[in-house]
Amino acid sequence: MHVGVQIGEGSPLSWDRWRHIVAMTERLGFRSLFRSDHYYNGYQKDSIDIFLSFVLAGAESSRIRFGSLVSPVTFREPVNIGRMAQQLDALSGGRFVLGLGAGWYGEEHQRFGLAFPPVGERMDRLEEAILLMRELWHSSDGHYSGTYYSLAGTNSQPHPPAGRPPVLLGGAGARRTLKLVAQYADEWNAPARRIEAYKEAVVNLERHCDAVDRDPSTIRRSVLMFTDLAPDASMSATALQRFIDMTNPGKTIEELERAGRGPWRGSVEELVDFLGQLSELGVEEVMFDHLCHEVDTIPEWIAADLAPRLSRL
């Protein structure tokens, strides 16, 4: 199993720190570096624009794949996302991954004056965005006519090779999300909490793949891992509090766990066993959310002690 890093909104993020994280990810041998796409999550704090940050990642790295986990279509017009994606693909030689989602954080949209339609419309917009971007990327006379978006003869260059940039879709919604994964995704990413829930999602994905005559094995599977595991108790406590402040400020961990919204918690041995079960279900990569990204303590520990064990799964 490959190991990657995700940077969320657990700590403030500056340009200097992002440059350091890009270099650290390559130095420690991680497979990937992803960012969640939020204007804020939990508390508002210093941050840098996700797509601008990917220019630096593409220019200052040579090996890692990088991308969004995930970008909501409610933030930007899909023609703008698509054009940035094809430029990042060219800059990085195909290492950029475009992670997309329908958006979920209503309060964030309200504070920044962004429309937040009902979930059905957001899912429809997500599907249209994917179809439009495929036309934008690969057609010299791009036309698309949807309910929400359209193209009328685009030749947006440089055209990436077939299959690039890869589209990652995140989530495990049985009715719409996994249907879109089966139809359009190159990669499926889901949060990793319980084996039973993931098994159920796999069954639903395979059902949708059957409906569109697609081999489920053609969809790369990765998971996002939120955990308080760390090399010492102090760092573990900090990571846990960062998770709470990022996702449900003011709540206790007991309240989150009762609601099924807590991070994965357990021993290193239990984590390796858990990820081993996911590997048997086709998961190829785990991205650990780097909650304390002002220091390198946790990723250095993961790279030295955990990643070698996971590489044998």
C-alpha atoms as a PDB file:
ATOM      1  CA  MET A   1       0.000   0.000   0.000  1.00  0.00           C
ATOM      2  CA  HIS A   2       1.324   3.421  -0.960  1.00  0.00           C
ATOM      3  CA  VAL A   3       1.285   6.278   1.562  1.00  0.00           C
ATOM      4  CA  GLY A   4       0.448   9.906   0.864  1.00  0.00           C
ATOM      5  CA  VAL A   5      -0.076  13.124   2.803  1.00  0.00           C
ATOM      6  CA  GLN A   6      -3.062  15.448   2.863  1.00  0.00           C
ATOM      7  CA  ILE A   7      -2.973  19.015   4.120  1.00  0.00           C
ATOM      8  CA  GLY A   8      -6.301  20.184   5.477  1.00  0.00           C
ATOM      9  CA  GLU A   9      -7.245  23.139   7.634  1.00  0.00           C
ATOM     10  CA  GLY A  10      -5.828  21.853  10.917  1.00  0.00           C
ATOM     11  CA  SER A  11      -3.141  24.558  11.097  1.00  0.00           C
ATOM     12  CA  PRO A  12      -2.541  27.895   9.358  1.00  0.00           C
ATOM     13  CA  LEU A  13      -0.716  27.474   6.051  1.00  0.00           C
ATOM     14  CA  SER A  14       1.763  30.004   4.625  1.00  0.00           C
ATOM     15  CA  TRP A  15       3.679  29.966   1.349  1.00  0.00           C
ATOM     16  CA  ASP A  16       6.943  29.233   3.130  1.00  0.00           C
ATOM     17  CA  ARG A  17       5.398  26.290   4.964  1.00  0.00           C
ATOM     18  CA  TRP A  18       3.772  24.926   1.815  1.00  0.00           C
ATOM     19  CA  ARG A  19       7.118  25.053  -0.003  1.00  0.00           C
ATOM     20  CA  HIS A  20       8.643  23.163   2.915  1.00  0.00           C
ATOM     21  CA  ILE A  21       5.848  20.540   2.861  1.00  0.00           C
ATOM     22  CA  VAL A  22       6.305  19.917  -0.868  1.00  0.00           C
ATOM     23  CA  ALA A  23      10.049  19.315  -0.354  1.00  0.00           C
ATOM     24  CA  MET A  24       9.414  17.203   2.755  1.00  0.00           C
ATOM     25  CA  THR A  25       6.920  14.979   0.940  1.00  0.00           C
ATOM     26  CA  GLU A  26       9.477  14.162  -1.735  1.00  0.00           C
ATOM     27  CA  ARG A  27      12.345  13.831   0.765  1.00  0.00           C
ATOM     28  CA  LEU A  28      10.495  11.301   2.912  1.00  0.00           C
ATOM     29  CA  GLY A  29       9.428   9.177  -0.043  1.00  0.00           C
ATOM     30  CA  PHE A  30       5.667   9.674   0.124  1.00  0.00           C
ATOM     31  CA  ARG A  31       3.712   8.805  -3.006  1.00  0.00           C
ATOM     32  CA  SER A  32       1.450  11.865  -3.058  1.00  0.00           C
ATOM     33  CA  LEU A  33       0.557  15.244  -1.596  1.00  0.00           C
ATOM     34  CA  PHE A  34      -3.059  16.372  -1.588  1.00  0.00           C
ATOM     35  CA  ARG A  35      -4.919  19.378  -0.233  1.00  0.00           C
ATOM     36  CA  SER A  36      -8.526  19.689   0.807  1.00  0.00           C
ATOM     37  CA  ASP A  37     -10.234  22.616  -0.894  1.00  0.00           C
ATOM     38  CA  HIS A  38     -11.891  24.896   1.647  1.00  0.00           C
ATOM     39  CA  TYR A  39     -11.849  28.626   2.150  1.00  0.00           C
ATOM     40  CA  TYR A  40     -11.964  27.612   5.794  1.00  0.00           C
ATOM     41  CA  ASN A  41     -13.077  24.697   7.900  1.00  0.00           C
ATOM     42  CA  GLY A  42     -13.890  25.018  11.590  1.00  0.00           C
ATOM     43  CA  TYR A  43     -12.145  28.327  12.343  1.00  0.00           C
ATOM     44  CA  GLN A  44     -10.985  30.877   9.764  1.00  0.00           C
ATOM     45  CA  LYS A  45      -7.191  31.065   9.693  1.00  0.00           C
ATOM     46  CA  ASP A  46      -4.271  31.951   7.422  1.00  0.00           C
ATOM     47  CA  SER A  47      -4.372  29.936   4.204  1.00  0.00           C
ATOM     48  CA  ILE A  48      -3.210  30.001   0.590  1.00  0.00           C
ATOM     49  CA  ASP A  49      -5.255  29.356  -2.542  1.00  0.00           C
ATOM     50  CA  ILE A  50      -5.253  25.697  -3.487  1.00  0.00           C
ATOM     51  CA  PHE A  51      -4.789  26.027  -7.258  1.00  0.00           C
ATOM     52  CA  LEU A  52      -2.077  28.660  -6.904  1.00  0.00           C
ATOM     53  CA  SER A  53      -0.308  26.328  -4.483  1.00  0.00           C
ATOM     54  CA  PHE A  54      -0.393  23.536  -7.054  1.00  0.00           C
ATOM     55  CA  VAL A  55       1.714  25.642  -9.429  1.00  0.00           C
ATOM     56  CA  LEU A  56       4.467  25.659  -6.814  1.00  0.00           C
ATOM     57  CA  ALA A  57       4.013  21.925  -6.174  1.00  0.00           C
ATOM     58  CA  GLY A  58       4.279  21.147  -9.872  1.00  0.00           C
ATOM     59  CA  ALA A  59       7.336  23.328 -10.376  1.00  0.00           C
ATOM     60  CA  GLU A  60       9.273  22.380  -7.228  1.00  0.00           C
ATOM     61  CA  SER A  61       8.653  18.622  -7.152  1.00  0.00           C
ATOM     62  CA  SER A  62       9.704  15.951  -9.609  1.00  0.00           C
ATOM     63  CA  ARG A  63       8.149  12.683  -8.431  1.00  0.00           C
ATOM     64  CA  ILE A  64       5.022  12.992  -6.290  1.00  0.00           C
ATOM     65  CA  ARG A  65       1.513  13.094  -7.618  1.00  0.00           C
ATOM     66  CA  PHE A  66      -0.487  15.983  -6.179  1.00  0.00           C
ATOM     67  CA  GLY A  67      -3.988  17.368  -6.324  1.00  0.00           C
ATOM     68  CA  SER A  68      -7.244  18.322  -4.664  1.00  0.00           C
ATOM     69  CA  LEU A  69      -9.106  16.137  -2.207  1.00  0.00           C
ATOM     70  CA  VAL A  70     -11.549  17.461  -3.246  1.00  0.00           C
ATOM     71  CA  SER A  71     -12.579  20.682  -5.016  1.00  0.00           C
ATOM     72  CA  PRO A  72     -16.301  21.503  -4.847  1.00  0.00           C
ATOM     73  CA  VAL A  73     -17.882  22.545  -8.124  1.00  0.00           C
ATOM     74  CA  THR A  74     -19.733  25.258  -6.198  1.00  0.00           C
ATOM     75  CA  PHE A  75     -16.536  27.311  -5.792  1.00  0.00           C
ATOM     76  CA  ARG A  76     -15.490  27.878  -9.411  1.00  0.00           C
ATOM     77  CA  GLU A  77     -16.949  27.604 -12.885  1.00  0.00           C
ATOM     78  CA  PRO A  78     -15.948  24.227 -14.365  1.00  0.00           C
ATOM     79  CA  VAL A  79     -14.394  25.864 -17.419  1.00  0.00           C
ATOM     80  CA  ASN A  80     -11.987  27.651 -15.059  1.00  0.00           C
ATOM     81  CA  ILE A  81     -11.221  24.480 -13.082  1.00  0.00           C
ATOM     82  CA  GLY A  82     -10.725  22.594 -16.331  1.00  0.00           C
ATOM     83  CA  ARG A  83      -8.314  25.118 -17.817  1.00  0.00           C
ATOM     84  CA  MET A  84      -6.246  25.224 -14.615  1.00  0.00           C
ATOM     85  CA  ALA A  85      -6.205  21.414 -14.526  1.00  0.00           C
ATOM     86  CA  GLN A  86      -4.879  21.074 -18.062  1.00  0.00           C
ATOM     87  CA  GLN A  87      -2.171  23.665 -17.375  1.00  0.00           C
ATOM     88  CA  LEU A  88      -1.132  21.853 -14.184  1.00  0.00           C
ATOM     89  CA  ASP A  89      -1.060  18.565 -16.080  1.00  0.00           C
ATOM     90  CA  ALA A  90       1.337  20.095 -18.600  1.00  0.00           C
ATOM     91  CA  LEU A  91       3.479  21.744 -15.912  1.00  0.00           C
ATOM     92  CA  SER A  92       3.907  18.516 -13.935  1.00  0.00           C
ATOM     93  CA  GLY A  93       4.161  16.010 -16.765  1.00  0.00           C
ATOM     94  CA  GLY A  94       0.928  14.298 -15.790  1.00  0.00           C
ATOM     95  CA  ARG A  95       1.330  14.194 -11.996  1.00  0.00           C
ATOM     96  CA  PHE A  96      -1.675  16.414 -11.207  1.00  0.00           C
ATOM     97  CA  VAL A  97      -4.885  14.707 -10.005  1.00  0.00           C
ATOM     98  CA  LEU A  98      -8.151  16.647 -10.200  1.00  0.00           C
ATOM     99  CA  GLY A  99     -10.278  15.679  -7.221  1.00  0.00           C
ATOM    100  CA  LEU A 100     -13.870  16.869  -7.502  1.00  0.00           C
ATOM    101  CA  GLY A 101     -16.932  16.899  -5.275  1.00  0.00           C
ATOM    102  CA  ALA A 102     -20.358  18.449  -4.987  1.00  0.00           C
ATOM    103  CA  GLY A 103     -19.561  20.578  -1.917  1.00  0.00           C
ATOM    104  CA  TRP A 104     -20.972  20.057   1.556  1.00  0.00           C
ATOM    105  CA  TYR A 105     -20.099  22.929   3.930  1.00  0.00           C
ATOM    106  CA  GLY A 106     -23.032  25.302   3.718  1.00  0.00           C
ATOM    107  CA  GLU A 107     -21.777  27.790   6.311  1.00  0.00           C
ATOM    108  CA  GLU A 108     -18.554  28.288   4.363  1.00  0.00           C
ATOM    109  CA  HIS A 109     -20.522  29.116   1.224  1.00  0.00           C
ATOM    110  CA  GLN A 110     -22.748  31.534   3.105  1.00  0.00           C
ATOM    111  CA  ARG A 111     -19.843  33.438   4.674  1.00  0.00           C
ATOM    112  CA  PHE A 112     -18.099  33.877   1.321  1.00  0.00           C
ATOM    113  CA  GLY A 113     -21.255  34.734  -0.624  1.00  0.00           C
ATOM    114  CA  LEU A 114     -21.278  31.547  -2.688  1.00  0.00           C
ATOM    115  CA  ALA A 115     -24.465  29.877  -3.897  1.00  0.00           C
ATOM    116  CA  PHE A 116     -25.196  26.551  -2.203  1.00  0.00           C
ATOM    117  CA  PRO A 117     -27.995  24.805  -4.117  1.00  0.00           C
ATOM    118  CA  PRO A 118     -29.810  21.712  -2.820  1.00  0.00           C
ATOM    119  CA  VAL A 119     -27.796  18.509  -2.907  1.00  0.00           C
ATOM    120  CA  GLY A 120     -29.580  17.134  -5.986  1.00  0.00           C
ATOM    121  CA  GLU A 121     -28.621  20.187  -8.026  1.00  0.00           C
ATOM    122  CA  ARG A 122     -25.047  20.108  -6.712  1.00  0.00           C
ATOM    123  CA  MET A 123     -24.696  16.492  -7.862  1.00  0.00           C
ATOM    124  CA  ASP A 124     -26.148  17.391 -11.268  1.00  0.00           C
ATOM    125  CA  ARG A 125     -23.642  20.234 -11.548  1.00  0.00           C
ATOM    126  CA  LEU A 126     -20.810  17.876 -10.645  1.00  0.00           C
ATOM    127  CA  GLU A 127     -21.746  15.493 -13.441  1.00  0.00           C
ATOM    128  CA  GLU A 128     -22.074  18.326 -15.959  1.00  0.00           C
ATOM    129  CA  ALA A 129     -18.713  19.740 -14.869  1.00  0.00           C
ATOM    130  CA  ILE A 130     -16.976  16.436 -15.579  1.00  0.00           C
ATOM    131  CA  LEU A 131     -18.563  16.119 -19.004  1.00  0.00           C
ATOM    132  CA  LEU A 132     -17.731  19.716 -19.890  1.00  0.00           C
ATOM    133  CA  MET A 133     -14.109  19.377 -18.798  1.00  0.00           C
ATOM    134  CA  ARG A 134     -13.616  16.195 -20.824  1.00  0.00           C
ATOM    135  CA  GLU A 135     -14.774  18.087 -23.894  1.00  0.00           C
ATOM    136  CA  LEU A 136     -12.617  21.086 -22.999  1.00  0.00           C
ATOM    137  CA  TRP A 137      -9.486  18.970 -22.553  1.00  0.00           C
ATOM    138  CA  HIS A 138      -9.669  16.738 -25.590  1.00  0.00           C
ATOM    139  CA  SER A 139     -11.661  18.450 -28.333  1.00  0.00           C
ATOM    140  CA  SER A 140     -10.404  20.990 -30.847  1.00  0.00           C
ATOM    141  CA  ASP A 141     -14.015  22.098 -31.342  1.00  0.00           C
ATOM    142  CA  GLY A 142     -15.492  21.643 -27.890  1.00  0.00           C
ATOM    143  CA  HIS A 143     -19.261  21.786 -27.605  1.00  0.00           C
ATOM    144  CA  TYR A 144     -21.323  21.019 -24.546  1.00  0.00           C
ATOM    145  CA  SER A 145     -24.891  22.000 -23.714  1.00  0.00           C
ATOM    146  CA  GLY A 146     -26.168  21.222 -20.228  1.00  0.00           C
ATOM    147  CA  THR A 147     -28.693  22.624 -17.823  1.00  0.00           C
ATOM    148  CA  TYR A 148     -26.070  24.666 -15.974  1.00  0.00           C
ATOM    149  CA  TYR A 149     -22.943  24.829 -18.145  1.00  0.00           C
ATOM    150  CA  SER A 150     -22.075  25.045 -21.834  1.00  0.00           C
ATOM    151  CA  LEU A 151     -19.268  25.285 -24.376  1.00  0.00           C
ATOM    152  CA  ALA A 152     -19.645  26.655 -27.886  1.00  0.00           C
ATOM    153  CA  GLY A 153     -16.588  25.717 -29.933  1.00  0.00           C
ATOM    154  CA  THR A 154     -13.582  25.730 -27.604  1.00  0.00           C
ATOM    155  CA  ASN A 155     -10.051  24.718 -28.508  1.00  0.00           C
ATOM    156  CA  SER A 156      -8.458  25.039 -25.078  1.00  0.00           C
ATOM    157  CA  GLN A 157      -4.778  24.198 -25.307  1.00  0.00           C
ATOM    158  CA  PRO A 158      -2.536  22.454 -24.433  1.00  0.00           C
ATOM    159  CA  HIS A 159      -4.670  19.342 -24.894  1.00  0.00           C
ATOM    160  CA  PRO A 160      -3.533  16.679 -22.416  1.00  0.00           C
ATOM    161  CA  PRO A 161      -3.036  13.062 -23.515  1.00  0.00           C
ATOM    162  CA  ALA A 162      -6.002  10.694 -23.247  1.00  0.00           C
ATOM    163  CA  GLY A 163      -6.757   9.809 -19.648  1.00  0.00           C
ATOM    164  CA  ARG A 164      -5.184  12.951 -18.239  1.00  0.00           C
ATOM    165  CA  PRO A 165      -5.629  14.686 -15.976  1.00  0.00           C
ATOM    166  CA  PRO A 166      -7.085  11.808 -13.935  1.00  0.00           C
ATOM    167  CA  VAL A 167     -10.363  12.624 -12.197  1.00  0.00           C
ATOM    168  CA  LEU A 168     -10.738  11.589  -8.575  1.00  0.00           C
ATOM    169  CA  LEU A 169     -14.179  11.568  -6.976  1.00  0.00           C
ATOM    170  CA  GLY A 170     -14.552  11.466  -3.218  1.00  0.00           C
ATOM    171  CA  GLY A 171     -17.278  10.089  -0.976  1.00  0.00           C
ATOM    172  CA  ALA A 172     -19.398   7.002  -0.517  1.00  0.00           C
ATOM    173  CA  GLY A 173     -22.974   8.084  -1.165  1.00  0.00           C
ATOM    174  CA  ALA A 174     -24.758   4.972  -2.400  1.00  0.00           C
ATOM    175  CA  ARG A 175     -27.224   6.568  -4.824  1.00  0.00           C
ATOM    176  CA  ARG A 176     -25.455   9.395  -6.662  1.00  0.00           C
ATOM    177  CA  THR A 177     -21.787   9.630  -5.651  1.00  0.00           C
ATOM    178  CA  LEU A 178     -20.848   6.025  -6.369  1.00  0.00           C
ATOM    179  CA  LYS A 179     -22.889   6.101  -9.555  1.00  0.00           C
ATOM    180  CA  LEU A 180     -20.750   9.026 -10.768  1.00  0.00           C
ATOM    181  CA  VAL A 181     -17.615   7.174  -9.674  1.00  0.00           C
ATOM    182  CA  ALA A 182     -18.656   4.180 -11.784  1.00  0.00           C
ATOM    183  CA  GLN A 183     -19.388   6.381 -14.783  1.00  0.00           C
ATOM    184  CA  TYR A 184     -16.523   8.854 -14.767  1.00  0.00           C
ATOM    185  CA  ALA A 185     -13.827   8.441 -12.102  1.00  0.00           C
ATOM    186  CA  ASP A 186     -10.255   7.332 -12.636  1.00  0.00           C
ATOM    187  CA  GLU A 187      -9.856   7.172  -8.849  1.00  0.00           C
ATOM    188  CA  TRP A 188     -12.256   6.767  -5.952  1.00  0.00           C
ATOM    189  CA  ASN A 189     -11.345   8.142  -2.528  1.00  0.00           C
ATOM    190  CA  ALA A 190     -13.384   7.497   0.594  1.00  0.00           C
ATOM    191  CA  PRO A 191     -12.872   8.289   4.273  1.00  0.00           C
ATOM    192  CA  ALA A 192     -11.488   5.331   6.244  1.00  0.00           C
ATOM    193  CA  ARG A 193     -13.358   4.692   9.476  1.00  0.00           C
ATOM    194  CA  ARG A 194     -15.024   1.262   9.606  1.00  0.00           C
ATOM    195  CA  ILE A 195     -14.401  -1.864   7.537  1.00  0.00           C
ATOM    196  CA  GLU A 196     -18.100  -2.695   7.430  1.00  0.00           C
ATOM    197  CA  ALA A 197     -18.972   0.706   5.958  1.00  0.00           C
ATOM    198  CA  TYR A 198     -16.240   0.420   3.333  1.00  0.00           C
ATOM    199  CA  LYS A 199     -17.334  -3.080   2.349  1.00  0.00           C
ATOM    200  CA  GLU A 200     -20.867  -1.785   1.860  1.00  0.00           C
ATOM    201  CA  ALA A 201     -19.560   1.063  -0.313  1.00  0.00           C
ATOM    202  CA  VAL A 202     -17.583  -1.390  -2.452  1.00  0.00           C
ATOM    203  CA  VAL A 203     -20.721  -3.486  -3.018  1.00  0.00           C
ATOM    204  CA  ASN A 204     -22.629  -0.369  -4.077  1.00  0.00           C
ATOM    205  CA  LEU A 205     -19.817   0.746  -6.387  1.00  0.00           C
ATOM    206  CA  GLU A 206     -19.672  -2.666  -8.053  1.00  0.00           C
ATOM    207  CA  ARG A 207     -23.440  -2.576  -8.546  1.00  0.00           C
ATOM    208  CA  HIS A 208     -23.169   0.777 -10.318  1.00  0.00           C
ATOM    209  CA  CYS A 209     -20.246  -0.505 -12.398  1.00  0.00           C
ATOM    210  CA  ASP A 210     -22.344  -3.469 -13.515  1.00  0.00           C
ATOM    211  CA  ALA A 211     -25.078  -1.072 -14.637  1.00  0.00           C
ATOM    212  CA  VAL A 212     -22.690   0.776 -16.969  1.00  0.00           C
ATOM    213  CA  ASP A 213     -20.687  -2.318 -17.982  1.00  0.00           C
ATOM    214  CA  ARG A 214     -17.464  -1.125 -16.351  1.00  0.00           C
ATOM    215  CA  ASP A 215     -14.845  -3.301 -14.702  1.00  0.00           C
ATOM    216  CA  PRO A 216     -14.524  -2.007 -11.098  1.00  0.00           C
ATOM    217  CA  SER A 217     -10.809  -2.863 -11.118  1.00  0.00           C
ATOM    218  CA  THR A 218     -10.227  -0.028 -13.621  1.00  0.00           C
ATOM    219  CA  ILE A 219     -10.983   2.478 -10.844  1.00  0.00           C
ATOM    220  CA  ARG A 220      -8.036   3.199  -8.570  1.00  0.00           C
ATOM    221  CA  ARG A 221      -9.023   3.051  -4.871  1.00  0.00           C
ATOM    222  CA  SER A 222      -7.559   5.270  -2.160  1.00  0.00           C
ATOM    223  CA  VAL A 223      -8.688   6.276   1.314  1.00  0.00           C
ATOM    224  CA  LEU A 224      -8.310   9.368   3.468  1.00  0.00           C
ATOM    225  CA  MET A 225      -7.247   8.679   7.051  1.00  0.00           C
ATOM    226  CA  PHE A 226      -7.861  10.995   9.991  1.00  0.00           C
ATOM    227  CA  THR A 227      -6.123   9.647  13.087  1.00  0.00           C
ATOM    228  CA  ASP A 228      -4.497  10.877  16.272  1.00  0.00           C
ATOM    229  CA  LEU A 229      -1.651   8.361  16.034  1.00  0.00           C
ATOM    230  CA  ALA A 230       1.700  10.044  16.662  1.00  0.00           C
ATOM    231  CA  PRO A 231       5.138   9.159  18.042  1.00  0.00           C
ATOM    232  CA  ASP A 232       4.333  10.573  21.490  1.00  0.00           C
ATOM    233  CA  ALA A 233       1.329  11.368  23.695  1.00  0.00           C
ATOM    234  CA  SER A 234       1.732  15.152  23.474  1.00  0.00           C
ATOM    235  CA  MET A 235       1.683  15.206  19.685  1.00  0.00           C
ATOM    236  CA  SER A 236      -1.229  12.764  19.658  1.00  0.00           C
ATOM    237  CA  ALA A 237      -3.253  15.065  21.924  1.00  0.00           C
ATOM    238  CA  THR A 238      -2.447  18.055  19.699  1.00  0.00           C
ATOM    239  CA  ALA A 239      -3.509  16.178  16.572  1.00  0.00           C
ATOM    240  CA  LEU A 240      -6.770  15.122  18.181  1.00  0.00           C
ATOM    241  CA  GLN A 241      -7.599  18.685  19.236  1.00  0.00           C
ATOM    242  CA  ARG A 242      -6.742  19.967  15.753  1.00  0.00           C
ATOM    243  CA  PHE A 243      -9.162  17.439  14.273  1.00  0.00           C
ATOM    244  CA  ILE A 244     -11.935  18.622  16.604  1.00  0.00           C
ATOM    245  CA  ASP A 245     -11.256  22.303  15.928  1.00  0.00           C
ATOM    246  CA  MET A 246     -11.208  21.676  12.173  1.00  0.00           C
ATOM    247  CA  THR A 247     -14.363  19.592  11.934  1.00  0.00           C
ATOM    248  CA  ASN A 248     -16.603  20.331  14.932  1.00  0.00           C
ATOM    249  CA  PRO A 249     -15.339  23.249  17.035  1.00  0.00           C
ATOM    250  CA  GLY A 250     -16.551  23.168  20.624  1.00  0.00           C
ATOM    251  CA  LYS A 251     -17.440  19.483  20.623  1.00  0.00           C
ATOM    252  CA  THR A 252     -15.740  16.795  22.678  1.00  0.00           C
ATOM    253  CA  ILE A 253     -14.203  13.677  21.179  1.00  0.00           C
ATOM    254  CA  GLU A 254     -16.826  11.616  22.997  1.00  0.00           C
ATOM    255  CA  GLU A 255     -19.599  13.571  21.293  1.00  0.00           C
ATOM    256  CA  LEU A 256     -17.993  13.086  17.888  1.00  0.00           C
ATOM    257  CA  GLU A 257     -17.491   9.374  18.397  1.00  0.00           C
ATOM    258  CA  ARG A 258     -21.101   8.893  19.499  1.00  0.00           C
ATOM    259  CA  ALA A 259     -22.180  10.632  16.279  1.00  0.00           C
ATOM    260  CA  GLY A 260     -19.824   8.507  14.170  1.00  0.00           C
ATOM    261  CA  ARG A 261     -17.752  11.555  13.136  1.00  0.00           C
ATOM    262  CA  GLY A 262     -14.564  10.954  15.066  1.00  0.00           C
ATOM    263  CA  PRO A 263     -11.126  10.106  13.672  1.00  0.00           C
ATOM    264  CA  TRP A 264      -9.807   6.562  13.493  1.00  0.00           C
ATOM    265  CA  ARG A 265      -8.271   5.679  16.872  1.00  0.00           C
ATOM    266  CA  GLY A 266      -6.282   2.647  18.003  1.00  0.00           C
ATOM    267  CA  SER A 267      -2.761   1.213  18.192  1.00  0.00           C
ATOM    268  CA  VAL A 268      -0.232   1.036  15.372  1.00  0.00           C
ATOM    269  CA  GLU A 269      -0.775  -2.723  15.150  1.00  0.00           C
ATOM    270  CA  GLU A 270      -4.531  -2.203  14.872  1.00  0.00           C
ATOM    271  CA  LEU A 271      -4.021   0.412  12.177  1.00  0.00           C
ATOM    272  CA  VAL A 272      -1.805  -1.896  10.110  1.00  0.00           C
ATOM    273  CA  ASP A 273      -4.426  -4.640  10.435  1.00  0.00           C
ATOM    274  CA  PHE A 274      -7.206  -2.218   9.472  1.00  0.00           C
ATOM    275  CA  LEU A 275      -5.349  -1.001   6.393  1.00  0.00           C
ATOM    276  CA  GLY A 276      -4.483  -4.580   5.524  1.00  0.00           C
ATOM    277  CA  GLN A 277      -8.197  -5.366   5.369  1.00  0.00           C
ATOM    278  CA  LEU A 278      -8.713  -2.339   3.130  1.00  0.00           C
ATOM    279  CA  SER A 279      -5.873  -3.517   0.914  1.00  0.00           C
ATOM    280  CA  GLU A 280      -7.691  -6.818   0.448  1.00  0.00           C
ATOM    281  CA  LEU A 281     -10.676  -4.748  -0.733  1.00  0.00           C
ATOM    282  CA  GLY A 282      -8.565  -3.112  -3.450  1.00  0.00           C
ATOM    283  CA  VAL A 283      -7.271   0.022  -1.699  1.00  0.00           C
ATOM    284  CA  GLU A 284      -3.901   1.003  -3.173  1.00  0.00           C
ATOM    285  CA  GLU A 285      -3.072   4.151  -1.206  1.00  0.00           C
ATOM    286  CA  VAL A 286      -3.821   5.806   2.104  1.00  0.00           C
ATOM    287  CA  MET A 287      -3.507   9.579   2.519  1.00  0.00           C
ATOM    288  CA  PHE A 288      -2.868  10.623   6.125  1.00  0.00           C
ATOM    289  CA  ASP A 289      -4.230  14.033   7.043  1.00  0.00           C
ATOM    290  CA  HIS A 290      -1.280  16.056   8.368  1.00  0.00           C
ATOM    291  CA  LEU A 291      -3.065  17.865  11.175  1.00  0.00           C
ATOM    292  CA  CYS A 292       0.064  19.406  12.743  1.00  0.00           C
ATOM    293  CA  HIS A 293       1.775  20.610   9.607  1.00  0.00           C
ATOM    294  CA  GLU A 294       3.785  23.361  11.315  1.00  0.00           C
ATOM    295  CA  VAL A 295       6.271  20.607  12.267  1.00  0.00           C
ATOM    296  CA  ASP A 296       7.462  17.429  10.517  1.00  0.00           C
ATOM    297  CA  THR A 297       7.242  15.125  13.539  1.00  0.00           C
ATOM    298  CA  ILE A 298       4.310  12.970  12.460  1.00  0.00           C
ATOM    299  CA  PRO A 299       5.180  12.508   8.745  1.00  0.00           C
ATOM    300  CA  GLU A 300       8.781  11.671   9.677  1.00  0.00           C
ATOM    301  CA  TRP A 301       7.481   9.002  12.050  1.00  0.00           C
ATOM    302  CA  ILE A 302       5.060   7.660   9.431  1.00  0.00           C
ATOM    303  CA  ALA A 303       7.822   7.489   6.814  1.00  0.00           C
ATOM    304  CA  ALA A 304      10.289   5.769   9.142  1.00  0.00           C
ATOM    305  CA  ASP A 305       8.069   3.380  11.107  1.00  0.00           C
ATOM    306  CA  LEU A 306       4.667   2.976   9.470  1.00  0.00           C
ATOM    307  CA  ALA A 307       5.145   3.263   5.695  1.00  0.00           C
ATOM    308  CA  PRO A 308       7.599   0.302   5.504  1.00  0.00           C
ATOM    309  CA  ARG A 309       4.998  -1.934   7.149  1.00  0.00           C
ATOM    310  CA  LEU A 310       2.243  -0.714   4.850  1.00  0.00           C
ATOM    311  CA  SER A 311       4.398  -1.257   1.754  1.00  0.00           C
ATOM    312  CA  ARG A 312       4.267  -4.979   2.480  1.00  0.00           C
ATOM    313  CA  LEU A 313       0.454  -5.153   2.418  1.00  0.00           C
END
